[in-house]
C-alpha atoms as a PDB file:
ATOM      1  CA  MET A   1     -72.836 -25.463  22.018  1.00  0.00           C
ATOM      2  CA  GLY A   2     -70.439 -28.296  20.052  1.00  0.00           C
ATOM      3  CA  ASN A   3     -73.413 -28.722  17.653  1.00  0.00           C
ATOM      4  CA  VAL A   4     -73.637 -25.082  17.163  1.00  0.00           C
ATOM      5  CA  ASN A   5     -70.208 -24.659  15.873  1.00  0.00           C
ATOM      6  CA  ALA A   6     -70.338 -28.155  13.850  1.00  0.00           C
ATOM      7  CA  SER A   7     -73.649 -26.170  12.520  1.00  0.00           C
ATOM      8  CA  SER A   8     -71.727 -22.953  11.862  1.00  0.00           C
ATOM      9  CA  ALA A   9     -68.719 -24.683  10.015  1.00  0.00           C
ATOM     10  CA  ALA A  10     -71.402 -26.338   7.617  1.00  0.00           C
ATOM     11  CA  VAL A  11     -73.285 -23.025   6.816  1.00  0.00           C
ATOM     12  CA  ALA A  12     -69.951 -21.912   5.887  1.00  0.00           C
ATOM     13  CA  MET A  13     -68.598 -24.707   4.063  1.00  0.00           C
ATOM     14  CA  ILE A  14     -72.092 -24.102   1.722  1.00  0.00           C
ATOM     15  CA  ALA A  15     -71.682 -20.896   1.798  1.00  0.00           C
ATOM     16  CA  ALA A  16     -68.017 -21.158   0.266  1.00  0.00           C
ATOM     17  CA  MET A  17     -69.291 -23.407  -2.263  1.00  0.00           C
ATOM     18  CA  VAL A  18     -72.055 -21.510  -3.145  1.00  0.00           C
ATOM     19  CA  THR A  19     -69.489 -18.601  -4.724  1.00  0.00           C
ATOM     20  CA  PRO A  20     -67.853 -20.819  -7.137  1.00  0.00           C
ATOM     21  CA  ALA A  21     -71.541 -21.960  -8.345  1.00  0.00           C
ATOM     22  CA  LEU A  22     -72.646 -18.409  -9.355  1.00  0.00           C
ATOM     23  CA  LEU A  23     -69.217 -17.866 -11.341  1.00  0.00           C
ATOM     24  CA  ILE A  24     -69.975 -21.140 -13.055  1.00  0.00           C
ATOM     25  CA  LEU A  25     -73.639 -19.863 -13.681  1.00  0.00           C
ATOM     26  CA  GLY A  26     -71.617 -16.200 -14.825  1.00  0.00           C
ATOM     27  CA  SER A  27     -69.802 -18.005 -17.008  1.00  0.00           C
ATOM     28  CA  ALA A  28     -72.347 -20.363 -18.667  1.00  0.00           C
ATOM     29  CA  SER A  29     -74.088 -16.885 -19.767  1.00  0.00           C
ATOM     30  CA  LEU A  30     -70.916 -15.595 -21.185  1.00  0.00           C
ATOM     31  CA  ILE A  31     -70.904 -18.905 -23.101  1.00  0.00           C
ATOM     32  CA  ALA A  32     -74.445 -18.704 -24.437  1.00  0.00           C
ATOM     33  CA  THR A  33     -73.270 -15.207 -25.749  1.00  0.00           C
ATOM     34  CA  VAL A  34     -70.419 -16.169 -27.437  1.00  0.00           C
ATOM     35  CA  MET A  35     -71.901 -19.108 -29.025  1.00  0.00           C
ATOM     36  CA  ALA A  36     -74.806 -16.390 -30.510  1.00  0.00           C
ATOM     37  CA  ARG A  37     -72.037 -14.528 -31.754  1.00  0.00           C
ATOM     38  CA  MET A  38     -69.771 -17.440 -33.149  1.00  0.00           C
ATOM     39  CA  ALA A  39     -73.326 -18.494 -35.218  1.00  0.00           C
ATOM     40  CA  ARG A  40     -73.666 -15.121 -36.653  1.00  0.00           C
ATOM     41  CA  ILE A  41     -69.690 -14.925 -37.541  1.00  0.00           C
ATOM     42  CA  VAL A  42     -70.309 -18.400 -39.139  1.00  0.00           C
ATOM     43  CA  ASP A  43     -73.863 -17.683 -40.783  1.00  0.00           C
ATOM     44  CA  ARG A  44     -72.060 -14.419 -42.491  1.00  0.00           C
ATOM     45  CA  ALA A  45     -68.844 -16.282 -43.370  1.00  0.00           C
ATOM     46  CA  ARG A  46     -71.066 -18.873 -45.408  1.00  0.00           C
ATOM     47  CA  VAL A  47     -73.211 -16.316 -47.360  1.00  0.00           C
ATOM     48  CA  LEU A  48     -69.936 -14.977 -48.556  1.00  0.00           C
ATOM     49  CA  ILE A  49     -68.492 -18.326 -48.978  1.00  0.00           C
ATOM     50  CA  GLY A  50     -71.342 -19.543 -50.697  1.00  0.00           C
ATOM     51  CA  ALA A  51     -71.161 -16.312 -52.951  1.00  0.00           C
ATOM     52  CA  VAL A  52     -67.778 -16.751 -53.963  1.00  0.00           C
ATOM     53  CA  ASN A  53     -68.266 -20.519 -54.693  1.00  0.00           C
ATOM     54  CA  GLU A  54     -71.464 -20.027 -56.930  1.00  0.00           C
ATOM     55  CA  GLY A  55     -68.844 -16.952 -58.452  1.00  0.00           C
ATOM     56  CA  SER A  56     -72.330 -14.827 -57.626  1.00  0.00           C
ATOM     57  CA  ILE A  57     -70.271 -11.979 -56.195  1.00  0.00           C
ATOM     58  CA  GLU A  58     -71.208  -9.445 -58.259  1.00  0.00           C
ATOM     59  CA  LYS A  59     -74.591  -9.715 -56.443  1.00  0.00           C
ATOM     60  CA  LEU A  60     -73.218  -8.688 -53.521  1.00  0.00           C
ATOM     61  CA  GLY A  61     -72.185  -5.528 -55.436  1.00  0.00           C
ATOM     62  CA  VAL A  62     -68.721  -5.136 -53.607  1.00  0.00           C
ATOM     63  CA  PRO A  63     -65.544  -5.917 -54.816  1.00  0.00           C
ATOM     64  CA  ARG A  64     -63.514  -8.837 -55.058  1.00  0.00           C
ATOM     65  CA  SER A  65     -60.860  -7.693 -52.884  1.00  0.00           C
ATOM     66  CA  GLU A  66     -63.415  -5.868 -50.075  1.00  0.00           C
ATOM     67  CA  ILE A  67     -65.146  -9.234 -49.639  1.00  0.00           C
ATOM     68  CA  ALA A  68     -61.404 -11.260 -48.877  1.00  0.00           C
ATOM     69  CA  VAL A  69     -61.186  -8.350 -46.053  1.00  0.00           C
ATOM     70  CA  TRP A  70     -64.334  -9.795 -44.668  1.00  0.00           C
ATOM     71  CA  LEU A  71     -63.643 -13.439 -44.976  1.00  0.00           C
ATOM     72  CA  LYS A  72     -60.319 -12.930 -43.425  1.00  0.00           C
ATOM     73  CA  ARG A  73     -62.105 -10.899 -40.933  1.00  0.00           C
ATOM     74  CA  HIS A  74     -64.941 -13.283 -39.974  1.00  0.00           C
ATOM     75  CA  ALA A  75     -61.987 -16.007 -39.870  1.00  0.00           C
ATOM     76  CA  ARG A  76     -60.372 -14.052 -36.849  1.00  0.00           C
ATOM     77  CA  ARG A  77     -63.161 -12.902 -35.215  1.00  0.00           C
ATOM     78  CA  ALA A  78     -64.122 -17.021 -35.228  1.00  0.00           C
ATOM     79  CA  GLN A  79     -60.867 -17.687 -34.026  1.00  0.00           C
ATOM     80  CA  TYR A  80     -61.072 -15.319 -31.052  1.00  0.00           C
ATOM     81  CA  ALA A  81     -64.574 -16.401 -30.286  1.00  0.00           C
ATOM     82  CA  GLU A  82     -63.508 -20.198 -30.468  1.00  0.00           C
ATOM     83  CA  PHE A  83     -60.495 -19.230 -27.947  1.00  0.00           C
ATOM     84  CA  THR A  84     -62.910 -17.532 -25.627  1.00  0.00           C
ATOM     85  CA  LEU A  85     -64.947 -21.418 -25.353  1.00  0.00           C
ATOM     86  CA  HIS A  86     -62.049 -22.736 -24.931  1.00  0.00           C
ATOM     87  CA  LEU A  87     -61.484 -20.057 -21.749  1.00  0.00           C
ATOM     88  CA  LEU A  88     -64.720 -20.509 -20.458  1.00  0.00           C
ATOM     89  CA  TYR A  89     -65.374 -23.992 -20.354  1.00  0.00           C
ATOM     90  CA  SER A  90     -62.170 -24.375 -18.805  1.00  0.00           C
ATOM     91  CA  ALA A  91     -63.357 -22.134 -16.027  1.00  0.00           C
ATOM     92  CA  VAL A  92     -66.044 -24.022 -15.776  1.00  0.00           C
ATOM     93  CA  ALA A  93     -64.303 -26.792 -15.041  1.00  0.00           C
ATOM     94  CA  ILE A  94     -61.759 -25.026 -13.012  1.00  0.00           C
ATOM     95  CA  PHE A  95     -65.067 -23.430 -10.382  1.00  0.00           C
ATOM     96  CA  VAL A  96     -66.477 -27.474 -10.564  1.00  0.00           C
ATOM     97  CA  VAL A  97     -63.402 -28.410  -9.282  1.00  0.00           C
ATOM     98  CA  THR A  98     -62.867 -25.235  -6.928  1.00  0.00           C
ATOM     99  CA  CYS A  99     -66.762 -26.233  -5.562  1.00  0.00           C
ATOM    100  CA  LEU A 100     -65.219 -29.993  -4.622  1.00  0.00           C
ATOM    101  CA  SER A 101     -62.267 -28.999  -3.255  1.00  0.00           C
ATOM    102  CA  ILE A 102     -63.753 -26.849  -0.464  1.00  0.00           C
ATOM    103  CA  PRO A 103     -65.254 -29.721   1.192  1.00  0.00           C
ATOM    104  CA  ILE A 104     -62.006 -32.024   0.186  1.00  0.00           C
ATOM    105  CA  ASP A 105     -60.091 -29.038   2.192  1.00  0.00           C
ATOM    106  CA  GLU A 106     -62.695 -28.995   5.456  1.00  0.00           C
ATOM    107  CA  VAL A 107     -62.928 -32.785   5.547  1.00  0.00           C
ATOM    108  CA  THR A 108     -58.907 -33.043   5.354  1.00  0.00           C
ATOM    109  CA  ASP A 109     -58.652 -30.241   7.882  1.00  0.00           C
ATOM    110  CA  HIS A 110     -57.634 -27.948   5.578  1.00  0.00           C
ATOM    111  CA  ALA A 111     -54.798 -30.166   4.006  1.00  0.00           C
ATOM    112  CA  LEU A 112     -55.141 -28.400   0.774  1.00  0.00           C
ATOM    113  CA  ARG A 113     -54.879 -25.238   1.944  1.00  0.00           C
ATOM    114  CA  LEU A 114     -55.047 -22.199  -0.324  1.00  0.00           C
ATOM    115  CA  ALA A 115     -55.624 -24.499  -3.393  1.00  0.00           C
ATOM    116  CA  PRO A 116     -59.589 -23.510  -3.443  1.00  0.00           C
ATOM    117  CA  VAL A 117     -58.543 -20.161  -3.415  1.00  0.00           C
ATOM    118  CA  ALA A 118     -55.745 -20.549  -6.141  1.00  0.00           C
ATOM    119  CA  LEU A 119     -58.229 -22.247  -8.163  1.00  0.00           C
ATOM    120  CA  ALA A 120     -60.715 -19.756  -8.015  1.00  0.00           C
ATOM    121  CA  ILE A 121     -58.047 -17.021  -8.818  1.00  0.00           C
ATOM    122  CA  PHE A 122     -57.273 -19.471 -12.146  1.00  0.00           C
ATOM    123  CA  GLY A 123     -60.776 -19.513 -12.956  1.00  0.00           C
ATOM    124  CA  MET A 124     -61.141 -15.787 -12.747  1.00  0.00           C
ATOM    125  CA  LEU A 125     -58.006 -15.446 -14.934  1.00  0.00           C
ATOM    126  CA  PHE A 126     -59.635 -17.350 -17.711  1.00  0.00           C
ATOM    127  CA  LEU A 127     -63.070 -15.306 -17.527  1.00  0.00           C
ATOM    128  CA  LEU A 128     -61.178 -12.409 -17.414  1.00  0.00           C
ATOM    129  CA  VAL A 129     -59.081 -12.982 -20.574  1.00  0.00           C
ATOM    130  CA  GLY A 130     -61.910 -14.664 -22.324  1.00  0.00           C
ATOM    131  CA  GLY A 131     -63.820 -11.199 -21.710  1.00  0.00           C
ATOM    132  CA  ALA A 132     -60.963  -8.845 -23.306  1.00  0.00           C
ATOM    133  CA  LEU A 133     -61.358 -11.389 -26.233  1.00  0.00           C
ATOM    134  CA  MET A 134     -64.923 -10.939 -26.616  1.00  0.00           C
ATOM    135  CA  VAL A 135     -64.191  -7.028 -26.432  1.00  0.00           C
ATOM    136  CA  ALA A 136     -61.620  -7.490 -29.139  1.00  0.00           C
ATOM    137  CA  GLU A 137     -64.078  -9.929 -31.426  1.00  0.00           C
ATOM    138  CA  SER A 138     -66.878  -7.091 -30.999  1.00  0.00           C
ATOM    139  CA  LYS A 139     -64.165  -4.112 -31.452  1.00  0.00           C
ATOM    140  CA  MET A 140     -63.459  -6.144 -35.028  1.00  0.00           C
ATOM    141  CA  SER A 141     -67.641  -6.648 -35.678  1.00  0.00           C
ATOM    142  CA  GLY A 142     -68.050  -3.165 -35.117  1.00  0.00           C
ATOM    143  CA  ASP A 143     -65.044  -2.007 -37.085  1.00  0.00           C
ATOM    144  CA  GLN A 144     -66.358  -4.133 -39.852  1.00  0.00           C
ATOM    145  CA  ILE A 145     -70.425  -3.227 -40.278  1.00  0.00           C
ATOM    146  CA  ALA A 146     -68.987   0.592 -40.187  1.00  0.00           C
ATOM    147  CA  GLU A 147     -66.761   0.113 -43.188  1.00  0.00           C
ATOM    148  CA  GLU A 148     -69.700  -2.002 -44.908  1.00  0.00           C
ATOM    149  CA  ILE A 149     -71.784   0.673 -43.958  1.00  0.00           C
ATOM    150  CA  SER A 150     -69.866   3.564 -45.442  1.00  0.00           C
ATOM    151  CA  ALA A 151     -68.920   1.778 -48.585  1.00  0.00           C
ATOM    152  CA  ALA A 152     -72.310   0.836 -49.124  1.00  0.00           C
ATOM    153  CA  LEU A 153     -73.134   5.072 -48.665  1.00  0.00           C
ATOM    154  CA  ASP A 154     -70.563   5.546 -51.041  1.00  0.00           C
ATOM    155  CA  ARG A 155     -71.838   3.427 -53.984  1.00  0.00           C
ATOM    156  CA  LEU A 156     -75.359   4.842 -52.834  1.00  0.00           C
ATOM    157  CA  GLU A 157     -74.106   8.368 -53.209  1.00  0.00           C
ATOM    158  CA  GLY A 158     -72.123   7.353 -56.665  1.00  0.00           C
ATOM    159  CA  LYS A 159     -75.173   6.150 -58.221  1.00  0.00           C
ATOM    160  CA  THR A 160     -77.458   9.059 -57.229  1.00  0.00           C
ATOM    161  CA  SER A 161     -75.135  11.732 -58.208  1.00  0.00           C
END
């Protein structure tokens, strides 16, 4: 009978360790998404910076003041994405420590007490804040493209009338 209890305890511990591992996978997926968004921000900003440096912003057909607004917005979006990456990578590290703390807590006869739970909650808070920042960055992105489309339509209508 003791063997069954030991086996059940081992299975329960492994099951408990799977949850933070799944959170690590979710965090990694979010990291990939944020990295892709960051790459788009950087690419678009570099096009604008290149036009400014080459003195060819007239080719873009956009007033200088509008280019300045776009560059400032790209800078803010990049900061949001960068901070989000810091949070998500930190969450991954916290979840790894959570995975390790579960068997350590078991081996030390629950000396860590609520540490594994506290670590998991802390990691989830990092994910929550990172998600909120990406919502804000996405809103900025949406606002920017709406403004660019509106300005282009205004110029187009002005040229055709």
